[in-house]
PDB file of N, CA and C in Angstrom:
ATOM      1  N   MET A   1     125.977  94.940 100.401  1.00  0.00           N
ATOM      2  CA  MET A   1     125.578  94.879 101.803  1.00  0.00           C
ATOM      3  C   MET A   1     124.055  94.862 101.883  1.00  0.00           C
ATOM      4  N   GLU A   2     123.490  93.821 102.461  1.00  0.00           N
ATOM      5  CA  GLU A   2     122.049  93.750 102.627  1.00  0.00           C
ATOM      6  C   GLU A   2     121.657  94.693 103.740  1.00  0.00           C
ATOM      7  N   ASP A   3     120.597  95.469 103.514  1.00  0.00           N
ATOM      8  CA  ASP A   3     120.237  96.480 104.490  1.00  0.00           C
ATOM      9  C   ASP A   3     119.038  96.040 105.304  1.00  0.00           C
ATOM     10  N   LYS A   4     119.293  95.588 106.523  1.00  0.00           N
ATOM     11  CA  LYS A   4     118.206  95.178 107.400  1.00  0.00           C
ATOM     12  C   LYS A   4     117.474  96.386 107.976  1.00  0.00           C
ATOM     13  N   ASN A   5     118.030  97.587 107.812  1.00  0.00           N
ATOM     14  CA  ASN A   5     117.401  98.800 108.324  1.00  0.00           C
ATOM     15  C   ASN A   5     116.611  99.557 107.261  1.00  0.00           C
ATOM     16  N   GLN A   6     116.450  98.969 106.066  1.00  0.00           N
ATOM     17  CA  GLN A   6     115.758  99.700 104.998  1.00  0.00           C
ATOM     18  C   GLN A   6     114.259  99.639 105.192  1.00  0.00           C
ATOM     19  N   LYS A   7     113.629 100.775 105.038  1.00  0.00           N
ATOM     20  CA  LYS A   7     112.188 100.904 105.142  1.00  0.00           C
ATOM     21  C   LYS A   7     111.639 101.276 103.771  1.00  0.00           C
ATOM     22  N   ASN A   8     110.375 100.947 103.526  1.00  0.00           N
ATOM     23  CA  ASN A   8     109.782 101.324 102.253  1.00  0.00           C
ATOM     24  C   ASN A   8     109.160 102.713 102.343  1.00  0.00           C
ATOM     25  N   ASP A   9     108.536 103.159 101.257  1.00  0.00           N
ATOM     26  CA  ASP A   9     107.958 104.506 101.195  1.00  0.00           C
ATOM     27  C   ASP A   9     106.978 104.792 102.336  1.00  0.00           C
ATOM     28  N   ASN A  10     106.259 103.782 102.804  1.00  0.00           N
ATOM     29  CA  ASN A  10     105.240 104.004 103.820  1.00  0.00           C
ATOM     30  C   ASN A  10     105.829 104.273 105.202  1.00  0.00           C
ATOM     31  N   ASN A  11     107.082 103.944 105.414  1.00  0.00           N
ATOM     32  CA  ASN A  11     107.714 104.130 106.718  1.00  0.00           C
ATOM     33  C   ASN A  11     108.775 105.222 106.696  1.00  0.00           C
ATOM     34  N   LYS A  12     108.668 106.131 105.771  1.00  0.00           N
ATOM     35  CA  LYS A  12     109.713 107.141 105.613  1.00  0.00           C
ATOM     36  C   LYS A  12     109.677 108.174 106.731  1.00  0.00           C
ATOM     37  N   VAL A  13     110.821 108.688 107.034  1.00  0.00           N
ATOM     38  CA  VAL A  13     110.971 109.758 108.009  1.00  0.00           C
ATOM     39  C   VAL A  13     110.793 111.102 107.320  1.00  0.00           C
ATOM     40  N   VAL A  14     111.302 111.192 106.097  1.00  0.00           N
ATOM     41  CA  VAL A  14     111.316 112.437 105.328  1.00  0.00           C
ATOM     42  C   VAL A  14     110.432 112.264 104.091  1.00  0.00           C
ATOM     43  N   THR A  15     109.687 113.305 103.774  1.00  0.00           N
ATOM     44  CA  THR A  15     108.932 113.334 102.526  1.00  0.00           C
ATOM     45  C   THR A  15     109.729 114.163 101.525  1.00  0.00           C
ATOM     46  N   ILE A  16     109.839 113.671 100.312  1.00  0.00           N
ATOM     47  CA  ILE A  16     110.542 114.408  99.261  1.00  0.00           C
ATOM     48  C   ILE A  16     109.515 114.795  98.210  1.00  0.00           C
ATOM     49  N   THR A  17     109.413 116.086  97.934  1.00  0.00           N
ATOM     50  CA  THR A  17     108.429 116.561  96.960  1.00  0.00           C
ATOM     51  C   THR A  17     108.810 116.110  95.556  1.00  0.00           C
ATOM     52  N   ASP A  18     107.835 116.160  94.661  1.00  0.00           N
ATOM     53  CA  ASP A  18     108.083 115.763  93.273  1.00  0.00           C
ATOM     54  C   ASP A  18     109.197 116.594  92.641  1.00  0.00           C
ATOM     55  N   SER A  19     109.206 117.904  92.901  1.00  0.00           N
ATOM     56  CA  SER A  19     110.256 118.741  92.294  1.00  0.00           C
ATOM     57  C   SER A  19     111.639 118.382  92.840  1.00  0.00           C
ATOM     58  N   ALA A  20     111.726 118.015  94.118  1.00  0.00           N
ATOM     59  CA  ALA A  20     113.007 117.595  94.689  1.00  0.00           C
ATOM     60  C   ALA A  20     113.435 116.241  94.126  1.00  0.00           C
ATOM     61  N   ILE A  21     112.485 115.336  93.919  1.00  0.00           N
ATOM     62  CA  ILE A  21     112.793 114.026  93.321  1.00  0.00           C
ATOM     63  C   ILE A  21     113.413 114.219  91.940  1.00  0.00           C
ATOM     64  N   VAL A  22     112.786 115.076  91.133  1.00  0.00           N
ATOM     65  CA  VAL A  22     113.288 115.327  89.780  1.00  0.00           C
ATOM     66  C   VAL A  22     114.709 115.874  89.829  1.00  0.00           C
ATOM     67  N   GLU A  23     114.962 116.824  90.712  1.00  0.00           N
ATOM     68  CA  GLU A  23     116.294 117.427  90.797  1.00  0.00           C
ATOM     69  C   GLU A  23     117.334 116.434  91.326  1.00  0.00           C
ATOM     70  N   ILE A  24     116.971 115.638  92.311  1.00  0.00           N
ATOM     71  CA  ILE A  24     117.904 114.641  92.849  1.00  0.00           C
ATOM     72  C   ILE A  24     118.270 113.631  91.765  1.00  0.00           C
ATOM     73  N   LYS A  25     117.281 113.171  91.026  1.00  0.00           N
ATOM     74  CA  LYS A  25     117.550 112.204  89.951  1.00  0.00           C
ATOM     75  C   LYS A  25     118.388 112.836  88.839  1.00  0.00           C
ATOM     76  N   ARG A  26     118.166 114.113  88.565  1.00  0.00           N
ATOM     77  CA  ARG A  26     118.981 114.814  87.566  1.00  0.00           C
ATOM     78  C   ARG A  26     120.430 114.878  88.029  1.00  0.00           C
ATOM     79  N   LEU A  27     120.627 115.215  89.293  1.00  0.00           N
ATOM     80  CA  LEU A  27     121.985 115.316  89.834  1.00  0.00           C
ATOM     81  C   LEU A  27     122.683 113.960  89.870  1.00  0.00           C
ATOM     82  N   THR A  28     121.966 112.915  90.271  1.00  0.00           N
ATOM     83  CA  THR A  28     122.605 111.593  90.320  1.00  0.00           C
ATOM     84  C   THR A  28     122.963 111.093  88.930  1.00  0.00           C
ATOM     85  N   SER A  29     122.194 111.485  87.926  1.00  0.00           N
ATOM     86  CA  SER A  29     122.510 111.035  86.560  1.00  0.00           C
ATOM     87  C   SER A  29     123.806 111.654  86.045  1.00  0.00           C
ATOM     88  N   GLN A  30     124.249 112.744  86.658  1.00  0.00           N
ATOM     89  CA  GLN A  30     125.483 113.409  86.255  1.00  0.00           C
ATOM     90  C   GLN A  30     126.715 112.845  86.970  1.00  0.00           C
ATOM     91  N   GLU A  31     126.494 112.025  87.966  1.00  0.00           N
ATOM     92  CA  GLU A  31     127.597 111.456  88.739  1.00  0.00           C
ATOM     93  C   GLU A  31     128.159 110.216  88.044  1.00  0.00           C
ATOM     94  N   LYS A  32     129.419 109.922  88.315  1.00  0.00           N
ATOM     95  CA  LYS A  32     130.090 108.765  87.712  1.00  0.00           C
ATOM     96  C   LYS A  32     129.819 107.472  88.477  1.00  0.00           C
ATOM     97  N   GLU A  33     129.496 107.591  89.749  1.00  0.00           N
ATOM     98  CA  GLU A  33     129.246 106.404  90.578  1.00  0.00           C
ATOM     99  C   GLU A  33     127.926 105.758  90.174  1.00  0.00           C
ATOM    100  N   GLU A  34     127.922 104.438  90.148  1.00  0.00           N
ATOM    101  CA  GLU A  34     126.707 103.726  89.760  1.00  0.00           C
ATOM    102  C   GLU A  34     125.696 103.660  90.893  1.00  0.00           C
ATOM    103  N   LYS A  35     126.154 103.403  92.109  1.00  0.00           N
ATOM    104  CA  LYS A  35     125.263 103.259  93.261  1.00  0.00           C
ATOM    105  C   LYS A  35     125.484 104.441  94.203  1.00  0.00           C
ATOM    106  N   LEU A  36     124.541 105.366  94.199  1.00  0.00           N
ATOM    107  CA  LEU A  36     124.631 106.532  95.073  1.00  0.00           C
ATOM    108  C   LEU A  36     123.435 106.565  96.017  1.00  0.00           C
ATOM    109  N   TYR A  37     123.702 106.941  97.244  1.00  0.00           N
ATOM    110  CA  TYR A  37     122.664 107.142  98.230  1.00  0.00           C
ATOM    111  C   TYR A  37     122.545 108.641  98.480  1.00  0.00           C
ATOM    112  N   LEU A  38     121.358 109.086  98.826  1.00  0.00           N
ATOM    113  CA  LEU A  38     121.159 110.457  99.263  1.00  0.00           C
ATOM    114  C   LEU A  38     121.273 110.451 100.783  1.00  0.00           C
ATOM    115  N   ARG A  39     122.312 111.096 101.304  1.00  0.00           N
ATOM    116  CA  ARG A  39     122.520 111.145 102.747  1.00  0.00           C
ATOM    117  C   ARG A  39     121.973 112.461 103.290  1.00  0.00           C
ATOM    118  N   LEU A  40     121.037 112.352 104.242  1.00  0.00           N
ATOM    119  CA  LEU A  40     120.494 113.518 104.936  1.00  0.00           C
ATOM    120  C   LEU A  40     120.917 113.434 106.395  1.00  0.00           C
ATOM    121  N   GLY A  41     121.147 114.583 106.995  1.00  0.00           N
ATOM    122  CA  GLY A  41     121.542 114.581 108.390  1.00  0.00           C
ATOM    123  C   GLY A  41     121.438 115.952 109.015  1.00  0.00           C
ATOM    124  N   VAL A  42     121.879 116.019 110.249  1.00  0.00           N
ATOM    125  CA  VAL A  42     121.940 117.275 110.991  1.00  0.00           C
ATOM    126  C   VAL A  42     123.287 117.343 111.699  1.00  0.00           C
ATOM    127  N   ALA A  43     123.722 118.538 111.955  1.00  0.00           N
ATOM    128  CA  ALA A  43     124.982 118.743 112.666  1.00  0.00           C
ATOM    129  C   ALA A  43     124.860 119.987 113.537  1.00  0.00           C
ATOM    130  N   ALA A  44     125.643 120.039 114.583  1.00  0.00           N
ATOM    131  CA  ALA A  44     125.676 121.236 115.420  1.00  0.00           C
ATOM    132  C   ALA A  44     126.281 122.373 114.617  1.00  0.00           C
ATOM    133  N   GLY A  45     125.692 123.545 114.740  1.00  0.00           N
ATOM    134  CA  GLY A  45     126.204 124.716 114.033  1.00  0.00           C
ATOM    135  C   GLY A  45     125.094 125.419 113.283  1.00  0.00           C
ATOM    136  N   GLY A  46     125.463 126.403 112.521  1.00  0.00           N
ATOM    137  CA  GLY A  46     124.466 127.193 111.805  1.00  0.00           C
ATOM    138  C   GLY A  46     123.960 128.326 112.674  1.00  0.00           C
ATOM    139  N   CYS A  47     123.242 129.243 112.081  1.00  0.00           N
ATOM    140  CA  CYS A  47     122.819 130.438 112.815  1.00  0.00           C
ATOM    141  C   CYS A  47     121.692 130.161 113.801  1.00  0.00           C
ATOM    142  N   SER A  48     121.036 129.000 113.731  1.00  0.00           N
ATOM    143  CA  SER A  48     119.967 128.680 114.680  1.00  0.00           C
ATOM    144  C   SER A  48     120.333 127.548 115.631  1.00  0.00           C
ATOM    145  N   GLY A  49     121.546 127.050 115.570  1.00  0.00           N
ATOM    146  CA  GLY A  49     121.995 126.034 116.506  1.00  0.00           C
ATOM    147  C   GLY A  49     122.303 124.690 115.873  1.00  0.00           C
ATOM    148  N   MET A  50     121.506 124.274 114.891  1.00  0.00           N
ATOM    149  CA  MET A  50     121.755 123.027 114.181  1.00  0.00           C
ATOM    150  C   MET A  50     121.594 123.303 112.695  1.00  0.00           C
ATOM    151  N   SER A  51     122.309 122.554 111.885  1.00  0.00           N
ATOM    152  CA  SER A  51     122.184 122.755 110.447  1.00  0.00           C
ATOM    153  C   SER A  51     121.911 121.418 109.765  1.00  0.00           C
ATOM    154  N   TYR A  52     121.228 121.507 108.639  1.00  0.00           N
ATOM    155  CA  TYR A  52     120.934 120.322 107.845  1.00  0.00           C
ATOM    156  C   TYR A  52     122.148 119.982 106.993  1.00  0.00           C
ATOM    157  N   SER A  53     122.313 118.702 106.729  1.00  0.00           N
ATOM    158  CA  SER A  53     123.333 118.289 105.775  1.00  0.00           C
ATOM    159  C   SER A  53     122.664 117.402 104.725  1.00  0.00           C
ATOM    160  N   MET A  54     123.194 117.493 103.518  1.00  0.00           N
ATOM    161  CA  MET A  54     122.627 116.751 102.409  1.00  0.00           C
ATOM    162  C   MET A  54     123.736 116.526 101.396  1.00  0.00           C
ATOM    163  N   GLY A  55     123.846 115.319 100.905  1.00  0.00           N
ATOM    164  CA  GLY A  55     124.850 115.025  99.903  1.00  0.00           C
ATOM    165  C   GLY A  55     124.707 113.590  99.425  1.00  0.00           C
ATOM    166  N   PHE A  56     125.515 113.237  98.471  1.00  0.00           N
ATOM    167  CA  PHE A  56     125.514 111.872  97.957  1.00  0.00           C
ATOM    168  C   PHE A  56     126.622 111.083  98.638  1.00  0.00           C
ATOM    169  N   ASP A  57     126.368 109.796  98.831  1.00  0.00           N
ATOM    170  CA  ASP A  57     127.335 108.919  99.464  1.00  0.00           C
ATOM    171  C   ASP A  57     127.329 107.594  98.706  1.00  0.00           C
ATOM    172  N   THR A  58     128.453 106.906  98.744  1.00  0.00           N
ATOM    173  CA  THR A  58     128.547 105.627  98.047  1.00  0.00           C
ATOM    174  C   THR A  58     128.453 104.435  98.994  1.00  0.00           C
ATOM    175  N   GLU A  59     128.403 104.699 100.292  1.00  0.00           N
ATOM    176  CA  GLU A  59     128.308 103.583 101.222  1.00  0.00           C
ATOM    177  C   GLU A  59     127.397 103.891 102.392  1.00  0.00           C
ATOM    178  N   GLN A  60     126.781 102.833 102.892  1.00  0.00           N
ATOM    179  CA  GLN A  60     125.969 102.922 104.085  1.00  0.00           C
ATOM    180  C   GLN A  60     126.814 102.486 105.272  1.00  0.00           C
ATOM    181  N   LEU A  61     126.609 103.139 106.381  1.00  0.00           N
ATOM    182  CA  LEU A  61     127.319 102.792 107.599  1.00  0.00           C
ATOM    183  C   LEU A  61     126.417 101.981 108.519  1.00  0.00           C
ATOM    184  N   GLU A  62     127.005 101.363 109.500  1.00  0.00           N
ATOM    185  CA  GLU A  62     126.265 100.490 110.400  1.00  0.00           C
ATOM    186  C   GLU A  62     125.122 101.209 111.116  1.00  0.00           C
ATOM    187  N   ASN A  63     125.300 102.475 111.451  1.00  0.00           N
ATOM    188  CA  ASN A  63     124.280 103.226 112.182  1.00  0.00           C
ATOM    189  C   ASN A  63     123.279 103.941 111.283  1.00  0.00           C
ATOM    190  N   ASP A  64     123.292 103.660 109.991  1.00  0.00           N
ATOM    191  CA  ASP A  64     122.379 104.316 109.056  1.00  0.00           C
ATOM    192  C   ASP A  64     121.051 103.581 108.955  1.00  0.00           C
ATOM    193  N   MET A  65     119.997 104.353 108.887  1.00  0.00           N
ATOM    194  CA  MET A  65     118.685 103.849 108.494  1.00  0.00           C
ATOM    195  C   MET A  65     118.535 104.221 107.028  1.00  0.00           C
ATOM    196  N   SER A  66     117.874 103.385 106.262  1.00  0.00           N
ATOM    197  CA  SER A  66     117.684 103.714 104.856  1.00  0.00           C
ATOM    198  C   SER A  66     116.214 103.608 104.495  1.00  0.00           C
ATOM    199  N   TYR A  67     115.821 104.439 103.559  1.00  0.00           N
ATOM    200  CA  TYR A  67     114.433 104.543 103.128  1.00  0.00           C
ATOM    201  C   TYR A  67     114.412 104.619 101.609  1.00  0.00           C
ATOM    202  N   ASN A  68     113.561 103.825 100.991  1.00  0.00           N
ATOM    203  CA  ASN A  68     113.404 103.884  99.545  1.00  0.00           C
ATOM    204  C   ASN A  68     112.243 104.824  99.269  1.00  0.00           C
ATOM    205  N   ILE A  69     112.553 105.991  98.733  1.00  0.00           N
ATOM    206  CA  ILE A  69     111.544 106.999  98.429  1.00  0.00           C
ATOM    207  C   ILE A  69     111.602 107.279  96.936  1.00  0.00           C
ATOM    208  N   ASN A  70     110.594 106.811  96.219  1.00  0.00           N
ATOM    209  CA  ASN A  70     110.518 106.985  94.756  1.00  0.00           C
ATOM    210  C   ASN A  70     111.809 106.556  94.064  1.00  0.00           C
ATOM    211  N   ASP A  71     112.312 105.391  94.440  1.00  0.00           N
ATOM    212  CA  ASP A  71     113.526 104.808  93.859  1.00  0.00           C
ATOM    213  C   ASP A  71     114.796 105.581  94.196  1.00  0.00           C
ATOM    214  N   ILE A  72     114.736 106.409  95.204  1.00  0.00           N
ATOM    215  CA  ILE A  72     115.931 107.069  95.735  1.00  0.00           C
ATOM    216  C   ILE A  72     116.169 106.464  97.120  1.00  0.00           C
ATOM    217  N   ILE A  73     117.363 105.903  97.324  1.00  0.00           N
ATOM    218  CA  ILE A  73     117.685 105.360  98.640  1.00  0.00           C
ATOM    219  C   ILE A  73     118.238 106.501  99.489  1.00  0.00           C
ATOM    220  N   VAL A  74     117.472 106.845 100.515  1.00  0.00           N
ATOM    221  CA  VAL A  74     117.839 107.923 101.434  1.00  0.00           C
ATOM    222  C   VAL A  74     118.409 107.275 102.683  1.00  0.00           C
ATOM    223  N   ILE A  75     119.600 107.715 103.096  1.00  0.00           N
ATOM    224  CA  ILE A  75     120.197 107.187 104.316  1.00  0.00           C
ATOM    225  C   ILE A  75     120.345 108.313 105.330  1.00  0.00           C
ATOM    226  N   ILE A  76     120.015 107.956 106.576  1.00  0.00           N
ATOM    227  CA  ILE A  76     120.057 108.920 107.683  1.00  0.00           C
ATOM    228  C   ILE A  76     120.645 108.190 108.881  1.00  0.00           C
ATOM    229  N   ASP A  77     121.624 108.797 109.516  1.00  0.00           N
ATOM    230  CA  ASP A  77     122.185 108.235 110.734  1.00  0.00           C
ATOM    231  C   ASP A  77     121.071 108.143 111.783  1.00  0.00           C
ATOM    232  N   LYS A  78     121.056 107.047 112.537  1.00  0.00           N
ATOM    233  CA  LYS A  78     119.995 106.819 113.527  1.00  0.00           C
ATOM    234  C   LYS A  78     119.846 107.983 114.501  1.00  0.00           C
ATOM    235  N   LYS A  79     120.951 108.643 114.836  1.00  0.00           N
ATOM    236  CA  LYS A  79     120.884 109.767 115.778  1.00  0.00           C
ATOM    237  C   LYS A  79     120.140 110.965 115.192  1.00  0.00           C
ATOM    238  N   ALA A  80     120.152 111.097 113.879  1.00  0.00           N
ATOM    239  CA  ALA A  80     119.514 112.257 113.229  1.00  0.00           C
ATOM    240  C   ALA A  80     118.039 112.027 112.920  1.00  0.00           C
ATOM    241  N   VAL A  81     117.600 110.767 112.963  1.00  0.00           N
ATOM    242  CA  VAL A  81     116.222 110.452 112.572  1.00  0.00           C
ATOM    243  C   VAL A  81     115.211 111.256 113.380  1.00  0.00           C
ATOM    244  N   SER A  82     115.375 111.350 114.689  1.00  0.00           N
ATOM    245  CA  SER A  82     114.388 112.061 115.516  1.00  0.00           C
ATOM    246  C   SER A  82     114.328 113.551 115.180  1.00  0.00           C
ATOM    247  N   TYR A  83     115.434 114.144 114.764  1.00  0.00           N
ATOM    248  CA  TYR A  83     115.440 115.559 114.374  1.00  0.00           C
ATOM    249  C   TYR A  83     114.741 115.790 113.038  1.00  0.00           C
ATOM    250  N   LEU A  84     114.762 114.779 112.171  1.00  0.00           N
ATOM    251  CA  LEU A  84     114.221 114.932 110.825  1.00  0.00           C
ATOM    252  C   LEU A  84     112.815 114.364 110.656  1.00  0.00           C
ATOM    253  N   GLU A  85     112.290 113.703 111.672  1.00  0.00           N
ATOM    254  CA  GLU A  85     110.964 113.074 111.598  1.00  0.00           C
ATOM    255  C   GLU A  85     109.911 114.073 111.109  1.00  0.00           C
ATOM    256  N   GLY A  86     109.249 113.734 110.007  1.00  0.00           N
ATOM    257  CA  GLY A  86     108.185 114.580 109.458  1.00  0.00           C
ATOM    258  C   GLY A  86     108.653 115.688 108.536  1.00  0.00           C
ATOM    259  N   THR A  87     109.951 115.797 108.309  1.00  0.00           N
ATOM    260  CA  THR A  87     110.507 116.869 107.477  1.00  0.00           C
ATOM    261  C   THR A  87     110.146 116.663 106.009  1.00  0.00           C
ATOM    262  N   ILE A  88     109.897 117.769 105.326  1.00  0.00           N
ATOM    263  CA  ILE A  88     109.653 117.759 103.886  1.00  0.00           C
ATOM    264  C   ILE A  88     110.858 118.390 103.208  1.00  0.00           C
ATOM    265  N   LEU A  89     111.429 117.666 102.258  1.00  0.00           N
ATOM    266  CA  LEU A  89     112.532 118.183 101.449  1.00  0.00           C
ATOM    267  C   LEU A  89     111.946 118.639 100.124  1.00  0.00           C
ATOM    268  N   ASP A  90     112.131 119.907  99.816  1.00  0.00           N
ATOM    269  CA  ASP A  90     111.564 120.491  98.597  1.00  0.00           C
ATOM    270  C   ASP A  90     112.684 121.098  97.767  1.00  0.00           C
ATOM    271  N   PHE A  91     112.401 121.309  96.500  1.00  0.00           N
ATOM    272  CA  PHE A  91     113.331 122.003  95.624  1.00  0.00           C
ATOM    273  C   PHE A  91     112.569 123.091  94.900  1.00  0.00           C
ATOM    274  N   LYS A  92     113.111 124.307  94.965  1.00  0.00           N
ATOM    275  CA  LYS A  92     112.504 125.431  94.277  1.00  0.00           C
ATOM    276  C   LYS A  92     113.547 126.066  93.379  1.00  0.00           C
ATOM    277  N   GLY A  93     113.233 126.168  92.132  1.00  0.00           N
ATOM    278  CA  GLY A  93     114.129 126.821  91.190  1.00  0.00           C
ATOM    279  C   GLY A  93     113.621 128.221  90.915  1.00  0.00           C
ATOM    280  N   GLY A  94     114.428 129.014  90.299  1.00  0.00           N
ATOM    281  CA  GLY A  94     114.007 130.367  89.958  1.00  0.00           C
ATOM    282  C   GLY A  94     115.159 131.187  89.438  1.00  0.00           C
ATOM    283  N   LEU A  95     114.823 132.283  88.828  1.00  0.00           N
ATOM    284  CA  LEU A  95     115.844 133.157  88.267  1.00  0.00           C
ATOM    285  C   LEU A  95     116.708 133.806  89.334  1.00  0.00           C
ATOM    286  N   LEU A  96     116.136 134.044  90.502  1.00  0.00           N
ATOM    287  CA  LEU A  96     116.887 134.708  91.570  1.00  0.00           C
ATOM    288  C   LEU A  96     117.469 133.713  92.562  1.00  0.00           C
ATOM    289  N   GLY A  97     117.621 132.519  92.122  1.00  0.00           N
ATOM    290  CA  GLY A  97     118.181 131.511  93.010  1.00  0.00           C
ATOM    291  C   GLY A  97     117.140 130.478  93.339  1.00  0.00           C
ATOM    292  N   GLY A  98     117.456 129.651  94.208  1.00  0.00           N
ATOM    293  CA  GLY A  98     116.581 128.559  94.591  1.00  0.00           C
ATOM    294  C   GLY A  98     117.434 127.466  95.168  1.00  0.00           C
ATOM    295  N   GLY A  99     116.886 126.304  95.220  1.00  0.00           N
ATOM    296  CA  GLY A  99     117.635 125.175  95.729  1.00  0.00           C
ATOM    297  C   GLY A  99     116.775 124.330  96.632  1.00  0.00           C
ATOM    298  N   PHE A 100     117.429 123.450  97.366  1.00  0.00           N
ATOM    299  CA  PHE A 100     116.726 122.561  98.272  1.00  0.00           C
ATOM    300  C   PHE A 100     116.383 123.292  99.555  1.00  0.00           C
ATOM    301  N   ALA A 101     115.201 122.979 100.097  1.00  0.00           N
ATOM    302  CA  ALA A 101     114.757 123.594 101.348  1.00  0.00           C
ATOM    303  C   ALA A 101     114.139 122.519 102.232  1.00  0.00           C
ATOM    304  N   PHE A 102     114.410 122.611 103.513  1.00  0.00           N
ATOM    305  CA  PHE A 102     113.862 121.692 104.496  1.00  0.00           C
ATOM    306  C   PHE A 102     112.726 122.381 105.237  1.00  0.00           C
ATOM    307  N   GLU A 103     111.581 121.710 105.335  1.00  0.00           N
ATOM    308  CA  GLU A 103     110.462 122.185 106.148  1.00  0.00           C
ATOM    309  C   GLU A 103     110.306 121.181 107.275  1.00  0.00           C
ATOM    310  N   ASN A 104     110.729 121.581 108.472  1.00  0.00           N
ATOM    311  CA  ASN A 104     110.818 120.657 109.594  1.00  0.00           C
ATOM    312  C   ASN A 104     109.797 121.030 110.674  1.00  0.00           C
ATOM    313  N   PRO A 105     108.804 120.161 110.916  1.00  0.00           N
ATOM    314  CA  PRO A 105     107.798 120.468 111.944  1.00  0.00           C
ATOM    315  C   PRO A 105     108.353 120.430 113.363  1.00  0.00           C
ATOM    316  N   ASN A 106     109.531 119.849 113.553  1.00  0.00           N
ATOM    317  CA  ASN A 106     110.155 119.771 114.879  1.00  0.00           C
ATOM    318  C   ASN A 106     110.922 121.031 115.241  1.00  0.00           C
ATOM    319  N   ALA A 107     111.178 121.865 114.258  1.00  0.00           N
ATOM    320  CA  ALA A 107     111.992 123.063 114.495  1.00  0.00           C
ATOM    321  C   ALA A 107     111.180 124.110 115.237  1.00  0.00           C
ATOM    322  N   LYS A 108     111.709 124.563 116.354  1.00  0.00           N
ATOM    323  CA  LYS A 108     111.078 125.651 117.099  1.00  0.00           C
ATOM    324  C   LYS A 108     111.433 126.989 116.477  1.00  0.00           C
ATOM    325  N   ARG A 109     112.605 127.018 115.853  1.00  0.00           N
ATOM    326  CA  ARG A 109     113.089 128.244 115.222  1.00  0.00           C
ATOM    327  C   ARG A 109     113.921 127.850 114.011  1.00  0.00           C
ATOM    328  N   SER A 110     113.759 128.580 112.926  1.00  0.00           N
ATOM    329  CA  SER A 110     114.551 128.347 111.719  1.00  0.00           C
ATOM    330  C   SER A 110     115.164 129.664 111.274  1.00  0.00           C
ATOM    331  N   CYS A 111     116.254 129.570 110.534  1.00  0.00           N
ATOM    332  CA  CYS A 111     116.863 130.782 110.034  1.00  0.00           C
ATOM    333  C   CYS A 111     116.242 131.140 108.678  1.00  0.00           C
ATOM    334  N   GLY A 112     116.511 132.319 108.212  1.00  0.00           N
ATOM    335  CA  GLY A 112     115.965 132.776 106.947  1.00  0.00           C
ATOM    336  C   GLY A 112     116.494 132.026 105.749  1.00  0.00           C
ATOM    337  N   CYS A 113     117.695 131.484 105.852  1.00  0.00           N
ATOM    338  CA  CYS A 113     118.268 130.766 104.713  1.00  0.00           C
ATOM    339  C   CYS A 113     117.711 129.356 104.582  1.00  0.00           C
ATOM    340  N   GLY A 114     117.029 128.848 105.612  1.00  0.00           N
ATOM    341  CA  GLY A 114     116.410 127.525 105.536  1.00  0.00           C
ATOM    342  C   GLY A 114     117.360 126.369 105.712  1.00  0.00           C
ATOM    343  N   THR A 115     118.582 126.632 106.163  1.00  0.00           N
ATOM    344  CA  THR A 115     119.537 125.536 106.314  1.00  0.00           C
ATOM    345  C   THR A 115     119.881 125.244 107.777  1.00  0.00           C
ATOM    346  N   SER A 116     119.317 126.007 108.705  1.00  0.00           N
ATOM    347  CA  SER A 116     119.575 125.697 110.108  1.00  0.00           C
ATOM    348  C   SER A 116     118.304 125.882 110.923  1.00  0.00           C
ATOM    349  N   PHE A 117     118.311 125.260 112.117  1.00  0.00           N
ATOM    350  CA  PHE A 117     117.116 125.257 112.963  1.00  0.00           C
ATOM    351  C   PHE A 117     117.519 124.972 114.398  1.00  0.00           C
ATOM    352  N   SER A 118     116.552 125.105 115.301  1.00  0.00           N
ATOM    353  CA  SER A 118     116.737 124.665 116.673  1.00  0.00           C
ATOM    354  C   SER A 118     115.485 123.928 117.115  1.00  0.00           C
ATOM    355  N   CYS A 119     115.673 122.985 118.027  1.00  0.00           N
ATOM    356  CA  CYS A 119     114.548 122.181 118.529  1.00  0.00           C
ATOM    357  C   CYS A 119     114.281 122.527 119.971  1.00  0.00           C
TER     358      CYS A 119
END
C-alpha cells in the first residue's frame, strides 16, 4: 500500500530519543513479522483521563498518518495527532524498572506512572 500520508523526519509529530530508537529496533528484531509499524495513539481512560497506547502493527489503516523516524515507520490515527503533537518518546532502563515514557507538552496534567494525561 503506497502511503500518501507519510511524512519524513522533518515533519514528525513525535520525537523519539536515541535510547528509545535502540529499544524499538531491538524489539522489532525479535518479532517474526517482516514489516512492522510502530503504532502510537491515545485512548480515553487512565488515572488522568486519557492514556497513551503503543504497540507494533502489521497494517496501516486509511485514517493513519505515518512518519519515518530513523527508519522506524510510526503510524498515528489522524484523530490522535493533535494530542501527541510535540511529544517525546523516551526509553529509560534501570535495575528498578524502566521502560518507555511519554513527555507531552500538551498535557495539563500527567499521572505518576507516565502513561496517562489530560489536556
